[in-house]
Amino acid sequence: MKKTSLFVFLFMTFVSMYAQNALEGIIVEKYYVSTKKDNSKKNLSGELPVGSTTYRIYVDMAPGCRFMAAYGSPGHPLEINSTENIYNHIDNGAEHPIRIPERTYKKNIVPLDSWITIGPAGENYFGVLKEADTMKDITSVVPFEKGFLMSQKKEMGFSLQERDGFLRSDNIPDITLYNIDSNLNVLRMVTSGKSFRIENGAWACMGKGVSGVDSLGSNTILIAQITTKGKLNYELNLLLRTAEGKEQKFVAKDPIENEFLHPSLKSNN
């Protein structure tokens, strides 16, 4: 009888732990690798070193789960950095993409600007992995300026002329910034730097959070785009909501009670 009870206890514990695992991992997509032509209007776009990579960072959640916040706290700082400067478009850049008007995406290399987000990749668009972007009859969000964003580098997979990773939506969630205004200077048009770090703040979606476009399938959500010539590094902490409606904190290191350690939240470059 005791053995049976122990088995039931262990089984239920396993089921409980499995049900709580809202985070499946972090996906870093090499979205684009720049060419010499992409830097040909640097008086309008700002300097973009040839061979710079645009990285998109996605949170891969279990089906039915929702993203609520990426945060930094005194015990769990959040940081995204590069060994070289982070690129910002000097004319149409912004710290998050909802502030970048759709009409500007046809100007030189505006789509390569660096920002944080909670799903959107532009004013009226969600960001989706290129491999999941099956809108093959639409080659771009708007017609890219002739000669720009034409790279065919193998490491970026699909070219932006094949699949651009933008999906139009009438239901774009708002992004809320908590106590991080000064932290985001490195992502603004007129500033440059290699890192932003948050020790007491977050970017978030209010209410129940937001799910990926394929919420009951792959359920991935874009949280940042960083363009840089250097190596990308990150240390992230996330607040997610499970399919059962329970909040769950995932941290990159040093978990305490009611926090889950997940190795994907810290880059290993």
Protein backbone atom coordinates (compact mmCIF):
# COMPACT_ATOMS: atom_id res chain seq x y z
CA MET A 1 0.00 0.00 0.00
CA LYS A 2 2.84 2.38 0.89
CA LYS A 3 4.60 1.58 -2.39
CA THR A 4 1.41 2.32 -4.31
CA SER A 5 0.99 5.64 -2.49
CA LEU A 6 4.59 6.59 -3.21
CA PHE A 7 4.14 5.78 -6.90
CA VAL A 8 0.98 7.87 -7.11
CA PHE A 9 2.74 10.78 -5.35
CA LEU A 10 5.73 10.68 -7.69
CA PHE A 11 3.49 10.37 -10.75
CA MET A 12 1.33 13.32 -9.74
CA THR A 13 4.46 15.38 -8.96
CA PHE A 14 5.80 14.63 -12.44
CA VAL A 15 2.48 15.57 -14.06
CA SER A 16 2.37 18.81 -12.07
CA MET A 17 5.92 19.78 -13.04
CA TYR A 18 5.25 18.99 -16.68
CA ALA A 19 2.05 21.05 -16.71
CA GLN A 20 3.91 24.04 -15.28
CA ASN A 21 6.64 24.03 -17.92
CA ALA A 22 5.40 27.01 -19.92
CA LEU A 23 8.83 27.74 -21.43
CA GLU A 24 10.27 25.41 -24.04
CA GLY A 25 13.26 27.54 -24.98
CA ILE A 26 14.70 30.60 -26.71
CA ILE A 27 15.11 30.71 -30.49
CA VAL A 28 17.63 33.14 -32.00
CA GLU A 29 17.04 33.59 -35.71
CA LYS A 30 19.64 35.06 -38.05
CA TYR A 31 17.10 37.23 -39.81
CA TYR A 32 19.43 39.10 -42.17
CA VAL A 33 23.13 39.59 -43.02
CA SER A 34 23.89 42.99 -44.55
CA THR A 35 25.69 43.79 -47.80
CA LYS A 36 27.68 46.77 -49.09
CA LYS A 37 24.58 48.07 -50.90
CA ASP A 38 22.64 48.17 -47.62
CA ASN A 39 25.10 50.79 -46.35
CA SER A 40 24.93 52.97 -49.47
CA LYS A 41 22.56 55.58 -47.96
CA LYS A 42 24.25 55.89 -44.58
CA ASN A 43 23.48 59.62 -44.50
CA LEU A 44 19.81 58.56 -44.15
CA SER A 45 20.09 55.20 -42.42
CA GLY A 46 23.21 55.53 -40.29
CA GLU A 47 26.38 53.46 -40.61
CA LEU A 48 25.76 49.71 -40.96
CA PRO A 49 29.01 47.72 -41.23
CA VAL A 50 29.00 45.21 -44.09
CA GLY A 51 28.30 41.72 -42.76
CA SER A 52 26.23 42.92 -39.81
CA THR A 53 23.67 40.37 -38.64
CA THR A 54 20.10 41.14 -37.65
CA TYR A 55 19.07 38.72 -34.91
CA ARG A 56 15.50 38.08 -33.87
CA ILE A 57 14.99 36.63 -30.39
CA TYR A 58 11.87 34.49 -29.89
CA VAL A 59 10.37 32.91 -26.78
CA ASP A 60 9.20 29.38 -27.56
CA MET A 61 6.28 28.56 -25.26
CA ALA A 62 4.24 25.42 -24.70
CA PRO A 63 0.86 25.36 -26.48
CA GLY A 64 -1.76 27.58 -24.88
CA CYS A 65 0.74 29.57 -22.78
CA ARG A 66 1.14 33.35 -22.81
CA PHE A 67 4.02 35.80 -22.53
CA MET A 68 3.55 38.44 -19.85
CA ALA A 69 6.92 40.14 -19.30
CA ALA A 70 10.68 40.13 -19.77
CA TYR A 71 12.16 41.63 -16.63
CA GLY A 72 15.25 42.43 -14.61
CA SER A 73 15.37 42.57 -10.81
CA PRO A 74 18.15 43.14 -8.24
CA GLY A 75 18.74 39.41 -7.98
CA HIS A 76 18.11 38.68 -11.65
CA PRO A 77 19.43 41.36 -14.02
CA LEU A 78 18.38 41.18 -17.67
CA GLU A 79 20.97 42.07 -20.27
CA ILE A 80 21.31 41.98 -24.05
CA ASN A 81 24.68 42.99 -25.45
CA SER A 82 27.08 42.71 -28.35
CA THR A 83 30.83 42.87 -28.76
CA GLU A 84 30.23 45.70 -31.27
CA ASN A 85 27.77 48.61 -31.37
CA ILE A 86 24.07 47.88 -31.77
CA TYR A 87 22.67 49.41 -34.97
CA ASN A 88 19.85 51.98 -34.87
CA HIS A 89 18.27 53.60 -37.92
CA ILE A 90 18.94 57.34 -37.54
CA ASP A 91 15.81 58.53 -39.36
CA ASN A 92 13.03 56.06 -38.57
CA GLY A 93 14.30 53.94 -35.70
CA ALA A 94 12.54 53.42 -32.35
CA GLU A 95 13.02 51.48 -29.13
CA HIS A 96 10.01 49.31 -29.98
CA PRO A 97 8.58 48.66 -33.47
CA ILE A 98 4.98 49.77 -32.92
CA ARG A 99 6.39 53.32 -33.10
CA ILE A 100 7.86 52.71 -36.57
CA PRO A 101 5.20 53.73 -39.17
CA GLU A 102 4.38 51.10 -41.76
CA ARG A 103 5.01 53.56 -44.59
CA THR A 104 8.68 53.88 -43.60
CA TYR A 105 9.49 50.18 -44.10
CA LYS A 106 10.04 50.86 -47.82
CA LYS A 107 12.93 53.22 -47.00
CA ASN A 108 16.43 51.71 -47.37
CA ILE A 109 17.13 49.52 -44.28
CA VAL A 110 14.46 50.64 -41.78
CA PRO A 111 13.41 46.96 -41.21
CA LEU A 112 16.87 46.28 -39.69
CA ASP A 113 16.44 48.71 -36.78
CA SER A 114 17.06 47.32 -33.26
CA TRP A 115 14.24 47.20 -30.67
CA ILE A 116 12.38 45.24 -28.01
CA THR A 117 8.82 43.98 -28.42
CA ILE A 118 6.12 41.55 -27.26
CA GLY A 119 5.15 40.10 -30.65
CA PRO A 120 4.91 42.99 -33.15
CA ALA A 121 7.64 43.65 -35.72
CA GLY A 122 6.06 46.85 -37.03
CA GLU A 123 3.03 49.12 -36.81
CA ASN A 124 0.56 46.55 -38.20
CA TYR A 125 2.60 43.36 -38.21
CA PHE A 126 3.56 40.45 -36.00
CA GLY A 127 7.08 39.10 -36.31
CA VAL A 128 7.19 35.40 -37.20
CA LEU A 129 10.03 33.02 -37.88
CA LYS A 130 10.85 33.00 -41.58
CA GLU A 131 10.54 29.23 -41.69
CA ALA A 132 6.95 29.65 -40.44
CA ASP A 133 6.14 32.51 -42.81
CA THR A 134 4.22 30.72 -45.54
CA MET A 135 2.78 33.81 -47.25
CA LYS A 136 4.73 32.99 -50.39
CA ASP A 137 2.51 35.08 -52.63
CA ILE A 138 3.60 38.25 -50.77
CA THR A 139 7.34 38.82 -51.07
CA SER A 140 7.54 41.69 -48.61
CA VAL A 141 5.53 43.73 -46.12
CA VAL A 142 5.79 46.74 -48.40
CA PRO A 143 7.94 46.99 -51.53
CA PHE A 144 11.50 47.29 -50.23
CA GLU A 145 13.50 50.07 -51.83
CA LYS A 146 15.17 48.78 -54.98
CA GLY A 147 18.57 47.24 -54.31
CA PHE A 148 18.21 47.03 -50.52
CA LEU A 149 17.69 43.95 -48.33
CA MET A 150 18.75 41.66 -51.18
CA SER A 151 21.29 39.53 -49.29
CA GLN A 152 21.41 35.83 -50.13
CA LYS A 153 23.81 34.69 -47.37
CA LYS A 154 23.30 31.01 -46.55
CA GLU A 155 23.48 31.53 -42.79
CA MET A 156 20.26 33.56 -42.83
CA GLY A 157 18.20 30.80 -44.43
CA PHE A 158 15.40 32.29 -46.51
CA SER A 159 16.16 35.66 -48.10
CA LEU A 160 13.79 38.53 -47.31
CA GLN A 161 12.65 38.41 -50.91
CA GLU A 162 11.38 34.86 -50.28
CA ARG A 163 10.02 35.21 -46.75
CA ASP A 164 10.21 38.39 -44.73
CA GLY A 165 8.96 37.28 -41.30
CA PHE A 166 6.12 39.85 -41.18
CA LEU A 167 2.48 38.87 -40.75
CA ARG A 168 -0.23 41.54 -41.03
CA SER A 169 -2.69 41.61 -38.14
CA ASP A 170 -5.55 43.80 -36.95
CA ASN A 171 -4.93 42.72 -33.36
CA ILE A 172 -1.52 44.11 -32.42
CA PRO A 173 -0.91 44.12 -28.63
CA ASP A 174 0.40 47.21 -26.88
CA ILE A 175 3.76 47.13 -25.13
CA THR A 176 4.10 48.54 -21.62
CA LEU A 177 7.49 49.73 -20.37
CA TYR A 178 8.10 49.61 -16.61
CA ASN A 179 10.94 51.75 -15.26
CA ILE A 180 13.26 51.15 -18.22
CA ASP A 181 13.11 54.38 -20.19
CA SER A 182 16.76 55.33 -19.61
CA ASN A 183 17.90 51.72 -20.09
CA LEU A 184 16.65 51.82 -23.67
CA ASN A 185 18.78 54.78 -24.79
CA VAL A 186 21.01 52.32 -26.65
CA LEU A 187 18.04 51.44 -28.90
CA ARG A 188 17.11 55.00 -29.84
CA MET A 189 17.90 56.79 -33.12
CA VAL A 190 20.56 59.23 -31.99
CA THR A 191 22.47 57.01 -29.57
CA SER A 192 24.79 54.05 -29.86
CA GLY A 193 26.21 51.45 -27.54
CA LYS A 194 26.86 47.77 -27.03
CA SER A 195 24.51 46.81 -24.20
CA PHE A 196 21.31 47.45 -22.32
CA ARG A 197 20.82 46.10 -18.81
CA ILE A 198 17.72 46.09 -16.60
CA GLU A 199 17.92 45.55 -12.83
CA ASN A 200 14.55 46.91 -11.76
CA GLY A 201 12.09 47.03 -14.64
CA ALA A 202 10.39 45.19 -17.48
CA TRP A 203 8.66 45.31 -20.82
CA ALA A 204 5.31 43.60 -20.76
CA CYS A 205 1.81 43.01 -22.06
CA MET A 206 -0.91 43.98 -19.58
CA GLY A 207 -3.72 41.65 -18.56
CA LYS A 208 -3.56 37.99 -19.56
CA GLY A 209 -0.48 38.40 -21.73
CA VAL A 210 -0.05 37.52 -25.38
CA SER A 211 0.38 34.23 -27.23
CA GLY A 212 2.12 33.46 -30.49
CA VAL A 213 0.36 33.52 -33.85
CA ASP A 214 0.12 29.71 -33.72
CA SER A 215 -0.90 29.66 -30.05
CA LEU A 216 -1.87 25.99 -29.93
CA GLY A 217 1.08 24.83 -31.99
CA SER A 218 4.62 26.24 -32.08
CA ASN A 219 3.54 29.28 -29.98
CA THR A 220 6.62 31.46 -30.50
CA ILE A 221 6.66 35.17 -29.72
CA LEU A 222 9.20 37.77 -30.82
CA ILE A 223 10.70 39.79 -27.94
CA ALA A 224 13.68 41.61 -29.53
CA GLN A 225 15.50 42.41 -32.76
CA ILE A 226 19.17 43.34 -32.55
CA THR A 227 21.40 44.27 -35.50
CA THR A 228 25.15 44.24 -34.90
CA LYS A 229 28.48 43.36 -36.48
CA GLY A 230 29.55 41.71 -33.21
CA LYS A 231 28.57 38.60 -31.28
CA LEU A 232 25.19 38.66 -29.58
CA ASN A 233 24.90 37.74 -25.89
CA TYR A 234 21.90 37.75 -23.59
CA GLU A 235 20.68 36.89 -20.10
CA LEU A 236 16.89 36.89 -19.82
CA ASN A 237 14.19 36.47 -17.18
CA LEU A 238 10.59 35.86 -18.17
CA LEU A 239 7.14 35.90 -16.61
CA LEU A 240 4.80 33.54 -18.47
CA ARG A 241 1.25 32.32 -17.93
CA THR A 242 0.52 28.62 -18.27
CA ALA A 243 -2.41 27.19 -20.22
CA GLU A 244 -4.07 26.65 -16.82
CA GLY A 245 -3.75 30.36 -16.02
CA LYS A 246 -0.90 30.15 -13.50
CA GLU A 247 1.96 32.64 -13.56
CA GLN A 248 5.46 31.22 -13.82
CA LYS A 249 8.85 32.93 -13.47
CA PHE A 250 11.81 31.61 -15.46
CA VAL A 251 15.30 32.91 -14.69
CA ALA A 252 18.74 32.62 -16.27
CA LYS A 253 20.56 31.85 -13.01
CA ASP A 254 20.29 31.56 -9.21
CA PRO A 255 16.62 30.56 -8.87
CA ILE A 256 14.89 30.98 -5.53
CA GLU A 257 11.56 29.62 -4.34
CA ASN A 258 8.85 29.61 -7.02
CA GLU A 259 11.35 30.35 -9.81
CA PHE A 260 12.40 27.99 -12.57
CA LEU A 261 15.93 27.87 -13.96
CA HIS A 262 16.08 27.45 -17.75
CA PRO A 263 19.46 27.13 -19.51
CA SER A 264 18.20 28.66 -22.77
CA LEU A 265 17.78 32.04 -21.05
CA LYS A 266 21.54 32.61 -21.00
CA SER A 267 23.58 32.61 -24.22
CA ASN A 268 26.67 30.42 -24.34
CA ASN A 269 28.83 32.44 -26.77
